[in-house]
Amino acid sequence: MGKKGICVAGNMIVDSVYPVRGLPRPGELTTIMDGIQRTTGGALCNVIQDLAVMDRSLPLKALGRVGSDPEGDFIFDTLGKHANIDLSMIKREGITAFTAVMEDTISRERTFFHYRGANAAFCEDDIDWDSIDSVLLHIGYILLLDTLDSEDAEYGTKMARLLCHAKDRGIKTSLDVVSETGDRYKRLVPPSLKYTDYCIINEIEAEQITSIQLRDGHGGLIAADIPKALKVIRDFGVSQWSIIHSPEGGFGLDQHGNYVQSPTINLPNEAIKRKVGAGDAFCTGVLYAAYRNESLEEALELGNAAACAMLMQLDPVYGIVSVDELKGLRAKF
């Protein structure tokens, strides 16, 4: 039998979201309001659930670690509601990773306080390659998976080694990076790009990796320099699509070096219910299009539609909706 489905690996997190009336400066106090929520988060939880809803017939496998604690039970129970997600390869040990999320109800911006927990120990030894028959492996986030971010004498990082071994088995690879301050990007990301088919990152991460400024002093996107950044990313070894997404839209280079861009769907402010999850939703749309062998242009359009659905929270539980509904949303706007 041929390969089928998508495998999603990496961070599995429980997010506790606290709505606050403005984010305080150091030494100041702010009020936590009613509406505290507990949700699953991280690249694995977000992307695999979005894929599960977008196409309920799509076979999905999860690869990661959660703790042997109630938070780990919560992740299993939440992901287990989707019949097309296989959780049999999730390892349970230690304390589940969690994030305290402070959500400013005025600006709708969020601040994150993260505990790495079980995710820090996730490694290639947790993967039974002989049990994986997926077409595509997506993993995230680099810079937030301590063991995989560690040095490897042959490949540069353990993450690069994992991606190389996936490709050796005929599995296409995709990766995402977490946004952080610091100088780790240039050391930890390029080794993995050599073994990556699809690189899907935001403009902040792209700027850190390439040293090409993509935002001006006023916060505006320097769109003219995005193709330069994409080329640098591609030159690190990305074989198929190098993609940068931002609130202004999606931009990419395909495997032939063709530059493609797709503007974001312009939503009125009152239509935006939340900002969390839009980046992972964009990534999900791109992954699904890649899985279906669609063009880069179609992938960017589906990614933008998925991000839009998440911003609008079209589904009250998952935010995302089916692929057909997403394509209808894009056509509507």
C-alpha atoms as a PDB file:
ATOM      1  CA  MET A   1       0.000   0.000   0.000  1.00  0.00           C
ATOM      2  CA  GLY A   2       1.160   3.535  -0.739  1.00  0.00           C
ATOM      3  CA  LYS A   3       1.760   6.242   1.787  1.00  0.00           C
ATOM      4  CA  LYS A   4      -1.218   8.293   2.930  1.00  0.00           C
ATOM      5  CA  GLY A   5      -2.036  11.017   5.396  1.00  0.00           C
ATOM      6  CA  ILE A   6      -0.005  13.516   7.361  1.00  0.00           C
ATOM      7  CA  CYS A   7       2.079  13.070  10.495  1.00  0.00           C
ATOM      8  CA  VAL A   8       2.366  16.035  12.878  1.00  0.00           C
ATOM      9  CA  ALA A   9       5.121  16.143  15.502  1.00  0.00           C
ATOM     10  CA  GLY A  10       6.368  18.488  18.194  1.00  0.00           C
ATOM     11  CA  ASN A  11       4.965  20.724  20.893  1.00  0.00           C
ATOM     12  CA  MET A  12       1.882  19.640  22.846  1.00  0.00           C
ATOM     13  CA  ILE A  13       0.827  22.258  25.371  1.00  0.00           C
ATOM     14  CA  VAL A  14      -2.041  23.145  27.688  1.00  0.00           C
ATOM     15  CA  ASP A  15      -2.781  26.870  27.476  1.00  0.00           C
ATOM     16  CA  SER A  16      -4.516  28.652  30.344  1.00  0.00           C
ATOM     17  CA  VAL A  17      -5.839  31.894  28.891  1.00  0.00           C
ATOM     18  CA  TYR A  18      -6.453  34.811  31.252  1.00  0.00           C
ATOM     19  CA  PRO A  19      -8.324  37.841  29.877  1.00  0.00           C
ATOM     20  CA  VAL A  20      -6.857  41.035  31.360  1.00  0.00           C
ATOM     21  CA  ARG A  21      -7.817  44.694  31.066  1.00  0.00           C
ATOM     22  CA  GLY A  22      -4.527  45.932  29.598  1.00  0.00           C
ATOM     23  CA  LEU A  23      -1.046  44.470  30.032  1.00  0.00           C
ATOM     24  CA  PRO A  24       0.809  46.051  32.969  1.00  0.00           C
ATOM     25  CA  ARG A  25       4.297  47.474  32.971  1.00  0.00           C
ATOM     26  CA  PRO A  26       6.823  46.043  35.484  1.00  0.00           C
ATOM     27  CA  GLY A  27       5.659  46.721  39.034  1.00  0.00           C
ATOM     28  CA  GLU A  28       2.065  47.479  37.991  1.00  0.00           C
ATOM     29  CA  LEU A  29      -1.106  45.471  38.553  1.00  0.00           C
ATOM     30  CA  THR A  30      -3.821  44.506  36.128  1.00  0.00           C
ATOM     31  CA  THR A  31      -7.134  42.738  36.673  1.00  0.00           C
ATOM     32  CA  ILE A  32      -7.874  39.220  35.457  1.00  0.00           C
ATOM     33  CA  MET A  33     -11.444  39.239  34.170  1.00  0.00           C
ATOM     34  CA  ASP A  34     -14.075  36.528  33.852  1.00  0.00           C
ATOM     35  CA  GLY A  35     -13.733  34.153  30.931  1.00  0.00           C
ATOM     36  CA  ILE A  36     -10.624  32.161  31.883  1.00  0.00           C
ATOM     37  CA  GLN A  37     -10.189  29.284  29.423  1.00  0.00           C
ATOM     38  CA  ARG A  38      -8.116  26.131  29.215  1.00  0.00           C
ATOM     39  CA  THR A  39      -7.247  24.942  25.721  1.00  0.00           C
ATOM     40  CA  THR A  40      -4.722  22.776  23.943  1.00  0.00           C
ATOM     41  CA  GLY A  41      -1.891  24.575  22.158  1.00  0.00           C
ATOM     42  CA  GLY A  42       1.438  24.126  20.430  1.00  0.00           C
ATOM     43  CA  ALA A  43       2.276  23.213  16.861  1.00  0.00           C
ATOM     44  CA  LEU A  44       1.126  19.613  17.126  1.00  0.00           C
ATOM     45  CA  CYS A  45      -2.201  20.222  18.863  1.00  0.00           C
ATOM     46  CA  ASN A  46      -3.122  23.238  16.747  1.00  0.00           C
ATOM     47  CA  VAL A  47      -2.129  21.914  13.336  1.00  0.00           C
ATOM     48  CA  ILE A  48      -3.396  18.363  13.724  1.00  0.00           C
ATOM     49  CA  GLN A  49      -6.814  19.492  15.000  1.00  0.00           C
ATOM     50  CA  ASP A  50      -7.138  22.023  12.181  1.00  0.00           C
ATOM     51  CA  LEU A  51      -6.312  19.310   9.648  1.00  0.00           C
ATOM     52  CA  ALA A  52      -8.763  16.923  11.315  1.00  0.00           C
ATOM     53  CA  VAL A  53     -11.613  19.412  10.906  1.00  0.00           C
ATOM     54  CA  MET A  54     -10.631  20.586   7.426  1.00  0.00           C
ATOM     55  CA  ASP A  55     -10.838  17.019   6.096  1.00  0.00           C
ATOM     56  CA  ARG A  56     -12.373  14.428   8.402  1.00  0.00           C
ATOM     57  CA  SER A  57     -11.297  11.613   6.059  1.00  0.00           C
ATOM     58  CA  LEU A  58      -7.591  12.549   6.233  1.00  0.00           C
ATOM     59  CA  PRO A  59      -5.481  10.011   8.202  1.00  0.00           C
ATOM     60  CA  LEU A  60      -3.387  11.816  10.826  1.00  0.00           C
ATOM     61  CA  LYS A  61      -0.682  10.645  13.238  1.00  0.00           C
ATOM     62  CA  ALA A  62       0.600  12.555  16.279  1.00  0.00           C
ATOM     63  CA  LEU A  63       4.215  12.306  17.466  1.00  0.00           C
ATOM     64  CA  GLY A  64       5.183  13.939  20.732  1.00  0.00           C
ATOM     65  CA  ARG A  65       5.268  13.792  24.520  1.00  0.00           C
ATOM     66  CA  VAL A  66       2.823  14.751  27.242  1.00  0.00           C
ATOM     67  CA  GLY A  67       3.015  14.197  30.966  1.00  0.00           C
ATOM     68  CA  SER A  68       1.388  11.422  32.977  1.00  0.00           C
ATOM     69  CA  ASP A  69      -0.801  14.019  34.669  1.00  0.00           C
ATOM     70  CA  PRO A  70      -4.314  15.523  34.361  1.00  0.00           C
ATOM     71  CA  GLU A  71      -3.058  18.033  31.777  1.00  0.00           C
ATOM     72  CA  GLY A  72      -1.825  15.133  29.647  1.00  0.00           C
ATOM     73  CA  ASP A  73      -5.250  13.512  30.038  1.00  0.00           C
ATOM     74  CA  PHE A  74      -6.823  16.771  28.879  1.00  0.00           C
ATOM     75  CA  ILE A  75      -4.744  16.780  25.684  1.00  0.00           C
ATOM     76  CA  PHE A  76      -5.567  13.128  24.987  1.00  0.00           C
ATOM     77  CA  ASP A  77      -9.274  13.703  25.591  1.00  0.00           C
ATOM     78  CA  THR A  78      -9.334  16.784  23.367  1.00  0.00           C
ATOM     79  CA  LEU A  79      -7.443  15.306  20.421  1.00  0.00           C
ATOM     80  CA  GLY A  80      -9.264  12.002  20.882  1.00  0.00           C
ATOM     81  CA  LYS A  81     -12.545  13.638  19.849  1.00  0.00           C
ATOM     82  CA  HIS A  82     -11.307  13.455  16.251  1.00  0.00           C
ATOM     83  CA  ALA A  83     -11.704   9.974  14.809  1.00  0.00           C
ATOM     84  CA  ASN A  84      -9.003  10.562  12.186  1.00  0.00           C
ATOM     85  CA  ILE A  85      -6.191  11.360  14.673  1.00  0.00           C
ATOM     86  CA  ASP A  86      -3.998   8.418  15.730  1.00  0.00           C
ATOM     87  CA  LEU A  87      -2.551   9.064  19.203  1.00  0.00           C
ATOM     88  CA  SER A  88      -0.912   5.667  19.674  1.00  0.00           C
ATOM     89  CA  MET A  89       2.630   7.022  19.228  1.00  0.00           C
ATOM     90  CA  ILE A  90       2.376   9.751  21.879  1.00  0.00           C
ATOM     91  CA  LYS A  91       4.731   9.062  24.802  1.00  0.00           C
ATOM     92  CA  ARG A  92       3.579   9.930  28.329  1.00  0.00           C
ATOM     93  CA  GLU A  93       6.186  10.875  30.891  1.00  0.00           C
ATOM     94  CA  GLY A  94       6.871  13.731  33.305  1.00  0.00           C
ATOM     95  CA  ILE A  95       4.921  16.996  33.423  1.00  0.00           C
ATOM     96  CA  THR A  96       2.873  18.271  30.500  1.00  0.00           C
ATOM     97  CA  ALA A  97       4.095  21.513  28.959  1.00  0.00           C
ATOM     98  CA  PHE A  98       1.892  24.499  29.767  1.00  0.00           C
ATOM     99  CA  THR A  99       1.589  28.195  29.007  1.00  0.00           C
ATOM    100  CA  ALA A 100      -0.035  30.977  30.997  1.00  0.00           C
ATOM    101  CA  VAL A 101      -1.458  33.305  28.359  1.00  0.00           C
ATOM    102  CA  MET A 102      -2.342  36.889  29.255  1.00  0.00           C
ATOM    103  CA  GLU A 103      -4.855  38.171  26.700  1.00  0.00           C
ATOM    104  CA  ASP A 104      -5.296  41.943  26.576  1.00  0.00           C
ATOM    105  CA  THR A 105      -9.010  42.550  25.984  1.00  0.00           C
ATOM    106  CA  ILE A 106      -8.223  46.074  24.732  1.00  0.00           C
ATOM    107  CA  SER A 107      -5.532  45.444  22.099  1.00  0.00           C
ATOM    108  CA  ARG A 108      -6.312  41.700  21.662  1.00  0.00           C
ATOM    109  CA  GLU A 109      -2.581  41.035  21.911  1.00  0.00           C
ATOM    110  CA  ARG A 110      -1.276  38.125  23.987  1.00  0.00           C
ATOM    111  CA  THR A 111       1.753  37.577  26.234  1.00  0.00           C
ATOM    112  CA  PHE A 112       2.974  34.040  26.903  1.00  0.00           C
ATOM    113  CA  PHE A 113       4.696  32.501  29.959  1.00  0.00           C
ATOM    114  CA  HIS A 114       5.776  28.990  28.971  1.00  0.00           C
ATOM    115  CA  TYR A 115       6.960  25.867  30.821  1.00  0.00           C
ATOM    116  CA  ARG A 116       8.579  23.378  28.420  1.00  0.00           C
ATOM    117  CA  GLY A 117       7.818  20.235  30.432  1.00  0.00           C
ATOM    118  CA  ALA A 118       7.620  16.905  28.592  1.00  0.00           C
ATOM    119  CA  ASN A 119       8.145  18.569  25.205  1.00  0.00           C
ATOM    120  CA  ALA A 120      11.778  19.260  26.108  1.00  0.00           C
ATOM    121  CA  ALA A 121      12.554  15.523  26.110  1.00  0.00           C
ATOM    122  CA  PHE A 122      10.853  14.648  22.791  1.00  0.00           C
ATOM    123  CA  CYS A 123      13.467  12.978  20.559  1.00  0.00           C
ATOM    124  CA  GLU A 124      13.855  10.744  17.540  1.00  0.00           C
ATOM    125  CA  ASP A 125      14.018   7.658  19.769  1.00  0.00           C
ATOM    126  CA  ASP A 126      10.311   8.291  20.480  1.00  0.00           C
ATOM    127  CA  ILE A 127       9.517   7.628  16.799  1.00  0.00           C
ATOM    128  CA  ASP A 128       8.935   4.159  15.363  1.00  0.00           C
ATOM    129  CA  TRP A 129       9.701   4.896  11.721  1.00  0.00           C
ATOM    130  CA  ASP A 130       8.443   1.463  10.613  1.00  0.00           C
ATOM    131  CA  SER A 131       4.959   2.384  11.879  1.00  0.00           C
ATOM    132  CA  ILE A 132       4.743   5.621   9.892  1.00  0.00           C
ATOM    133  CA  ASP A 133       3.299   5.444   6.382  1.00  0.00           C
ATOM    134  CA  SER A 134       2.461   9.148   6.044  1.00  0.00           C
ATOM    135  CA  VAL A 135       3.165  11.197   2.922  1.00  0.00           C
ATOM    136  CA  LEU A 136       4.222  14.255   4.885  1.00  0.00           C
ATOM    137  CA  LEU A 137       5.759  14.995   8.294  1.00  0.00           C
ATOM    138  CA  HIS A 138       5.280  18.454   9.792  1.00  0.00           C
ATOM    139  CA  ILE A 139       7.204  19.367  12.941  1.00  0.00           C
ATOM    140  CA  GLY A 140       7.238  22.470  15.133  1.00  0.00           C
ATOM    141  CA  TYR A 141       8.568  24.369  16.767  1.00  0.00           C
ATOM    142  CA  ILE A 142      12.319  24.670  16.325  1.00  0.00           C
ATOM    143  CA  LEU A 143      13.739  26.643  19.299  1.00  0.00           C
ATOM    144  CA  LEU A 144      11.127  25.148  21.634  1.00  0.00           C
ATOM    145  CA  LEU A 145      12.094  21.451  21.594  1.00  0.00           C
ATOM    146  CA  ASP A 146      15.230  21.307  23.709  1.00  0.00           C
ATOM    147  CA  THR A 147      16.476  17.810  22.890  1.00  0.00           C
ATOM    148  CA  LEU A 148      15.926  18.186  19.143  1.00  0.00           C
ATOM    149  CA  ASP A 149      17.521  21.647  19.273  1.00  0.00           C
ATOM    150  CA  SER A 150      20.675  20.167  20.819  1.00  0.00           C
ATOM    151  CA  GLU A 151      23.901  19.822  18.856  1.00  0.00           C
ATOM    152  CA  ASP A 152      24.602  16.878  16.569  1.00  0.00           C
ATOM    153  CA  ALA A 153      28.164  16.339  15.366  1.00  0.00           C
ATOM    154  CA  GLU A 154      27.110  15.087  11.925  1.00  0.00           C
ATOM    155  CA  TYR A 155      23.909  16.996  11.097  1.00  0.00           C
ATOM    156  CA  GLY A 156      24.308  20.168  13.141  1.00  0.00           C
ATOM    157  CA  THR A 157      21.219  19.553  15.290  1.00  0.00           C
ATOM    158  CA  LYS A 158      19.179  16.535  16.365  1.00  0.00           C
ATOM    159  CA  MET A 159      16.221  18.086  14.526  1.00  0.00           C
ATOM    160  CA  ALA A 160      18.175  18.075  11.263  1.00  0.00           C
ATOM    161  CA  ARG A 161      19.048  14.414  11.819  1.00  0.00           C
ATOM    162  CA  LEU A 162      15.369  13.547  12.366  1.00  0.00           C
ATOM    163  CA  LEU A 163      14.296  15.371   9.195  1.00  0.00           C
ATOM    164  CA  CYS A 164      17.041  13.688   7.175  1.00  0.00           C
ATOM    165  CA  HIS A 165      15.921  10.257   8.368  1.00  0.00           C
ATOM    166  CA  ALA A 166      12.326  11.080   7.415  1.00  0.00           C
ATOM    167  CA  LYS A 167      13.384  12.042   3.897  1.00  0.00           C
ATOM    168  CA  ASP A 168      15.491   8.876   3.642  1.00  0.00           C
ATOM    169  CA  ARG A 169      12.222   6.969   4.147  1.00  0.00           C
ATOM    170  CA  GLY A 170      10.455   8.834   1.354  1.00  0.00           C
ATOM    171  CA  ILE A 171       8.493  11.138   3.679  1.00  0.00           C
ATOM    172  CA  LYS A 172       8.239  14.803   2.690  1.00  0.00           C
ATOM    173  CA  THR A 173       9.130  17.205   5.489  1.00  0.00           C
ATOM    174  CA  SER A 174       7.772  20.513   6.735  1.00  0.00           C
ATOM    175  CA  LEU A 175       8.830  22.680   9.664  1.00  0.00           C
ATOM    176  CA  ASP A 176       7.824  25.717  11.659  1.00  0.00           C
ATOM    177  CA  VAL A 177       9.761  27.909  14.080  1.00  0.00           C
ATOM    178  CA  VAL A 178       8.697  29.691  17.250  1.00  0.00           C
ATOM    179  CA  SER A 179       9.069  33.470  17.516  1.00  0.00           C
ATOM    180  CA  GLU A 180      11.480  34.504  20.251  1.00  0.00           C
ATOM    181  CA  THR A 181      14.082  37.141  21.010  1.00  0.00           C
ATOM    182  CA  GLY A 182      17.742  36.166  20.942  1.00  0.00           C
ATOM    183  CA  ASP A 183      20.415  34.899  18.583  1.00  0.00           C
ATOM    184  CA  ARG A 184      19.613  31.181  18.384  1.00  0.00           C
ATOM    185  CA  TYR A 185      17.960  31.273  14.937  1.00  0.00           C
ATOM    186  CA  LYS A 186      21.129  31.319  12.858  1.00  0.00           C
ATOM    187  CA  ARG A 187      22.585  28.398  14.810  1.00  0.00           C
ATOM    188  CA  LEU A 188      19.537  26.140  15.135  1.00  0.00           C
ATOM    189  CA  VAL A 189      17.386  26.691  12.043  1.00  0.00           C
ATOM    190  CA  PRO A 190      19.698  26.449   8.962  1.00  0.00           C
ATOM    191  CA  PRO A 191      20.866  22.855   9.642  1.00  0.00           C
ATOM    192  CA  SER A 192      17.246  21.659   9.421  1.00  0.00           C
ATOM    193  CA  LEU A 193      16.444  23.631   6.269  1.00  0.00           C
ATOM    194  CA  LYS A 194      18.853  21.396   4.350  1.00  0.00           C
ATOM    195  CA  TYR A 195      16.401  18.507   4.914  1.00  0.00           C
ATOM    196  CA  THR A 196      13.144  20.452   4.552  1.00  0.00           C
ATOM    197  CA  ASP A 197      10.672  20.339   1.667  1.00  0.00           C
ATOM    198  CA  TYR A 198       8.278  22.991   3.009  1.00  0.00           C
ATOM    199  CA  CYS A 199       9.411  25.834   5.283  1.00  0.00           C
ATOM    200  CA  ILE A 200       6.456  27.840   6.647  1.00  0.00           C
ATOM    201  CA  ILE A 201       7.419  30.724   8.953  1.00  0.00           C
ATOM    202  CA  ASN A 202       6.333  34.271   9.742  1.00  0.00           C
ATOM    203  CA  GLU A 203       8.107  37.494   8.834  1.00  0.00           C
ATOM    204  CA  ILE A 204       9.617  37.929  12.321  1.00  0.00           C
ATOM    205  CA  GLU A 205      11.232  34.499  12.179  1.00  0.00           C
ATOM    206  CA  ALA A 206      12.356  35.023   8.574  1.00  0.00           C
ATOM    207  CA  GLU A 207      14.063  38.284   9.537  1.00  0.00           C
ATOM    208  CA  GLN A 208      15.940  36.553  12.356  1.00  0.00           C
ATOM    209  CA  ILE A 209      17.065  33.673  10.128  1.00  0.00           C
ATOM    210  CA  THR A 210      18.133  35.751   7.114  1.00  0.00           C
ATOM    211  CA  SER A 211      19.209  39.090   8.712  1.00  0.00           C
ATOM    212  CA  ILE A 212      17.062  40.855   6.088  1.00  0.00           C
ATOM    213  CA  GLN A 213      14.869  43.527   7.685  1.00  0.00           C
ATOM    214  CA  LEU A 214      11.199  42.938   6.869  1.00  0.00           C
ATOM    215  CA  ARG A 215       9.565  45.575   9.094  1.00  0.00           C
ATOM    216  CA  ASP A 216      10.389  49.264   9.007  1.00  0.00           C
ATOM    217  CA  GLY A 217      10.669  51.610  11.977  1.00  0.00           C
ATOM    218  CA  HIS A 218       6.910  52.210  11.902  1.00  0.00           C
ATOM    219  CA  GLY A 219       6.017  48.517  11.835  1.00  0.00           C
ATOM    220  CA  GLY A 220       5.184  48.461   8.135  1.00  0.00           C
ATOM    221  CA  LEU A 221       6.021  45.401   6.057  1.00  0.00           C
ATOM    222  CA  ILE A 222       8.975  45.890   3.685  1.00  0.00           C
ATOM    223  CA  ALA A 223       7.351  43.800   0.960  1.00  0.00           C
ATOM    224  CA  ALA A 224      10.079  44.489  -1.609  1.00  0.00           C
ATOM    225  CA  ASP A 225      12.610  42.565   0.479  1.00  0.00           C
ATOM    226  CA  ILE A 226      10.502  39.471   1.071  1.00  0.00           C
ATOM    227  CA  PRO A 227      11.679  37.743  -2.162  1.00  0.00           C
ATOM    228  CA  LYS A 228      15.281  38.278  -1.017  1.00  0.00           C
ATOM    229  CA  ALA A 229      14.561  36.649   2.329  1.00  0.00           C
ATOM    230  CA  LEU A 230      12.762  33.773   0.644  1.00  0.00           C
ATOM    231  CA  LYS A 231      15.745  33.170  -1.619  1.00  0.00           C
ATOM    232  CA  VAL A 232      18.119  33.051   1.361  1.00  0.00           C
ATOM    233  CA  ILE A 233      15.847  30.502   3.043  1.00  0.00           C
ATOM    234  CA  ARG A 234      15.653  28.461  -0.158  1.00  0.00           C
ATOM    235  CA  ASP A 235      19.439  28.569  -0.557  1.00  0.00           C
ATOM    236  CA  PHE A 236      19.814  26.894   2.843  1.00  0.00           C
ATOM    237  CA  GLY A 237      18.417  23.799   1.107  1.00  0.00           C
ATOM    238  CA  VAL A 238      14.584  23.946   1.128  1.00  0.00           C
ATOM    239  CA  SER A 239      13.590  21.787  -1.834  1.00  0.00           C
ATOM    240  CA  GLN A 240       9.941  22.678  -2.505  1.00  0.00           C
ATOM    241  CA  TRP A 241       8.305  25.761  -1.005  1.00  0.00           C
ATOM    242  CA  SER A 242       9.816  28.541   1.105  1.00  0.00           C
ATOM    243  CA  ILE A 243       6.943  30.511   2.623  1.00  0.00           C
ATOM    244  CA  ILE A 244       6.628  33.630   4.761  1.00  0.00           C
ATOM    245  CA  HIS A 245       3.264  34.596   6.217  1.00  0.00           C
ATOM    246  CA  SER A 246       2.295  37.860   7.869  1.00  0.00           C
ATOM    247  CA  PRO A 247      -0.895  39.797   8.662  1.00  0.00           C
ATOM    248  CA  GLU A 248      -0.526  41.325   5.185  1.00  0.00           C
ATOM    249  CA  GLY A 249      -0.605  37.987   3.376  1.00  0.00           C
ATOM    250  CA  GLY A 250       1.362  34.950   2.289  1.00  0.00           C
ATOM    251  CA  PHE A 251       4.498  34.977   0.136  1.00  0.00           C
ATOM    252  CA  GLY A 252       6.491  32.097  -1.287  1.00  0.00           C
ATOM    253  CA  LEU A 253       9.072  30.684  -3.674  1.00  0.00           C
ATOM    254  CA  ASP A 254       8.207  27.397  -5.356  1.00  0.00           C
ATOM    255  CA  GLN A 255      10.569  24.604  -6.331  1.00  0.00           C
ATOM    256  CA  HIS A 256      11.348  26.358  -9.630  1.00  0.00           C
ATOM    257  CA  GLY A 257      12.205  29.677  -7.989  1.00  0.00           C
ATOM    258  CA  ASN A 258       8.932  31.350  -8.982  1.00  0.00           C
ATOM    259  CA  TYR A 259       7.754  34.059  -6.589  1.00  0.00           C
ATOM    260  CA  VAL A 260       4.073  33.969  -5.580  1.00  0.00           C
ATOM    261  CA  GLN A 261       2.103  36.194  -3.236  1.00  0.00           C
ATOM    262  CA  SER A 262      -1.456  36.142  -1.965  1.00  0.00           C
ATOM    263  CA  PRO A 263      -2.855  39.085   0.007  1.00  0.00           C
ATOM    264  CA  THR A 264      -4.664  38.410   3.231  1.00  0.00           C
ATOM    265  CA  ILE A 265      -8.436  38.631   3.372  1.00  0.00           C
ATOM    266  CA  ASN A 266      -9.177  42.171   4.542  1.00  0.00           C
ATOM    267  CA  LEU A 267     -11.504  41.784   7.512  1.00  0.00           C
ATOM    268  CA  PRO A 268     -13.217  44.634   9.346  1.00  0.00           C
ATOM    269  CA  ASN A 269     -12.082  44.934  12.968  1.00  0.00           C
ATOM    270  CA  GLU A 270     -15.479  43.965  14.302  1.00  0.00           C
ATOM    271  CA  ALA A 271     -15.266  40.613  12.481  1.00  0.00           C
ATOM    272  CA  ILE A 272     -12.069  39.613  14.317  1.00  0.00           C
ATOM    273  CA  LYS A 273     -12.931  37.578  17.400  1.00  0.00           C
ATOM    274  CA  ARG A 274      -9.397  36.458  18.380  1.00  0.00           C
ATOM    275  CA  LYS A 275      -5.847  36.482  17.059  1.00  0.00           C
ATOM    276  CA  VAL A 276      -4.490  33.266  18.518  1.00  0.00           C
ATOM    277  CA  GLY A 277      -3.994  30.322  16.186  1.00  0.00           C
ATOM    278  CA  ALA A 278      -4.024  32.227  12.904  1.00  0.00           C
ATOM    279  CA  GLY A 279      -0.393  31.374  12.102  1.00  0.00           C
ATOM    280  CA  ASP A 280      -0.871  27.650  12.711  1.00  0.00           C
ATOM    281  CA  ALA A 281      -4.121  27.772  10.712  1.00  0.00           C
ATOM    282  CA  PHE A 282      -2.254  29.350   7.782  1.00  0.00           C
ATOM    283  CA  CYS A 283       0.339  26.589   8.074  1.00  0.00           C
ATOM    284  CA  THR A 284      -2.428  23.977   8.062  1.00  0.00           C
ATOM    285  CA  GLY A 285      -3.922  25.322   4.839  1.00  0.00           C
ATOM    286  CA  VAL A 286      -0.530  25.212   3.145  1.00  0.00           C
ATOM    287  CA  LEU A 287       0.156  21.668   4.370  1.00  0.00           C
ATOM    288  CA  TYR A 288      -3.173  20.423   3.097  1.00  0.00           C
ATOM    289  CA  ALA A 289      -2.587  21.959  -0.333  1.00  0.00           C
ATOM    290  CA  ALA A 290       0.916  20.440  -0.435  1.00  0.00           C
ATOM    291  CA  TYR A 291      -0.529  17.044   0.493  1.00  0.00           C
ATOM    292  CA  ARG A 292      -3.044  17.353  -2.349  1.00  0.00           C
ATOM    293  CA  ASN A 293      -0.295  18.347  -4.820  1.00  0.00           C
ATOM    294  CA  GLU A 294      -1.847  21.748  -5.432  1.00  0.00           C
ATOM    295  CA  SER A 295       0.131  24.766  -6.600  1.00  0.00           C
ATOM    296  CA  LEU A 296       1.896  27.213  -4.312  1.00  0.00           C
ATOM    297  CA  GLU A 297      -0.644  29.883  -5.266  1.00  0.00           C
ATOM    298  CA  GLU A 298      -3.513  27.616  -4.218  1.00  0.00           C
ATOM    299  CA  ALA A 299      -1.646  26.793  -1.001  1.00  0.00           C
ATOM    300  CA  LEU A 300      -1.209  30.451  -0.062  1.00  0.00           C
ATOM    301  CA  GLU A 301      -4.870  31.174  -0.793  1.00  0.00           C
ATOM    302  CA  LEU A 302      -6.032  28.252   1.325  1.00  0.00           C
ATOM    303  CA  GLY A 303      -3.622  29.274   4.083  1.00  0.00           C
ATOM    304  CA  ASN A 304      -4.984  32.812   4.114  1.00  0.00           C
ATOM    305  CA  ALA A 305      -8.561  31.513   4.161  1.00  0.00           C
ATOM    306  CA  ALA A 306      -7.748  29.220   7.107  1.00  0.00           C
ATOM    307  CA  ALA A 307      -6.131  32.093   9.019  1.00  0.00           C
ATOM    308  CA  CYS A 308      -9.183  34.245   8.268  1.00  0.00           C
ATOM    309  CA  ALA A 309     -11.544  31.556   9.574  1.00  0.00           C
ATOM    310  CA  MET A 310      -9.535  31.340  12.778  1.00  0.00           C
ATOM    311  CA  LEU A 311      -9.588  35.128  13.250  1.00  0.00           C
ATOM    312  CA  MET A 312     -13.353  35.132  12.734  1.00  0.00           C
ATOM    313  CA  GLN A 313     -13.739  31.992  14.881  1.00  0.00           C
ATOM    314  CA  LEU A 314     -16.186  30.571  12.334  1.00  0.00           C
ATOM    315  CA  ASP A 315     -16.539  27.346  14.298  1.00  0.00           C
ATOM    316  CA  PRO A 316     -17.174  28.117  17.991  1.00  0.00           C
ATOM    317  CA  VAL A 317     -15.137  25.092  19.135  1.00  0.00           C
ATOM    318  CA  TYR A 318     -12.293  24.738  16.637  1.00  0.00           C
ATOM    319  CA  GLY A 319     -12.340  28.059  14.786  1.00  0.00           C
ATOM    320  CA  ILE A 320     -11.462  26.320  11.537  1.00  0.00           C
ATOM    321  CA  VAL A 321     -14.001  24.831   9.106  1.00  0.00           C
ATOM    322  CA  SER A 322     -13.924  22.338   6.220  1.00  0.00           C
ATOM    323  CA  VAL A 323     -11.787  22.816   3.117  1.00  0.00           C
ATOM    324  CA  ASP A 324     -14.869  23.431   0.957  1.00  0.00           C
ATOM    325  CA  GLU A 325     -16.079  26.119   3.370  1.00  0.00           C
ATOM    326  CA  LEU A 326     -12.623  27.716   3.415  1.00  0.00           C
ATOM    327  CA  LYS A 327     -12.524  27.898  -0.366  1.00  0.00           C
ATOM    328  CA  GLY A 328     -16.010  29.404  -0.328  1.00  0.00           C
ATOM    329  CA  LEU A 329     -14.832  31.982   2.207  1.00  0.00           C
ATOM    330  CA  ARG A 330     -11.935  32.961  -0.034  1.00  0.00           C
ATOM    331  CA  ALA A 331     -14.249  33.301  -3.043  1.00  0.00           C
ATOM    332  CA  LYS A 332     -16.708  35.379  -1.009  1.00  0.00           C
ATOM    333  CA  PHE A 333     -14.081  38.017  -0.227  1.00  0.00           C
END
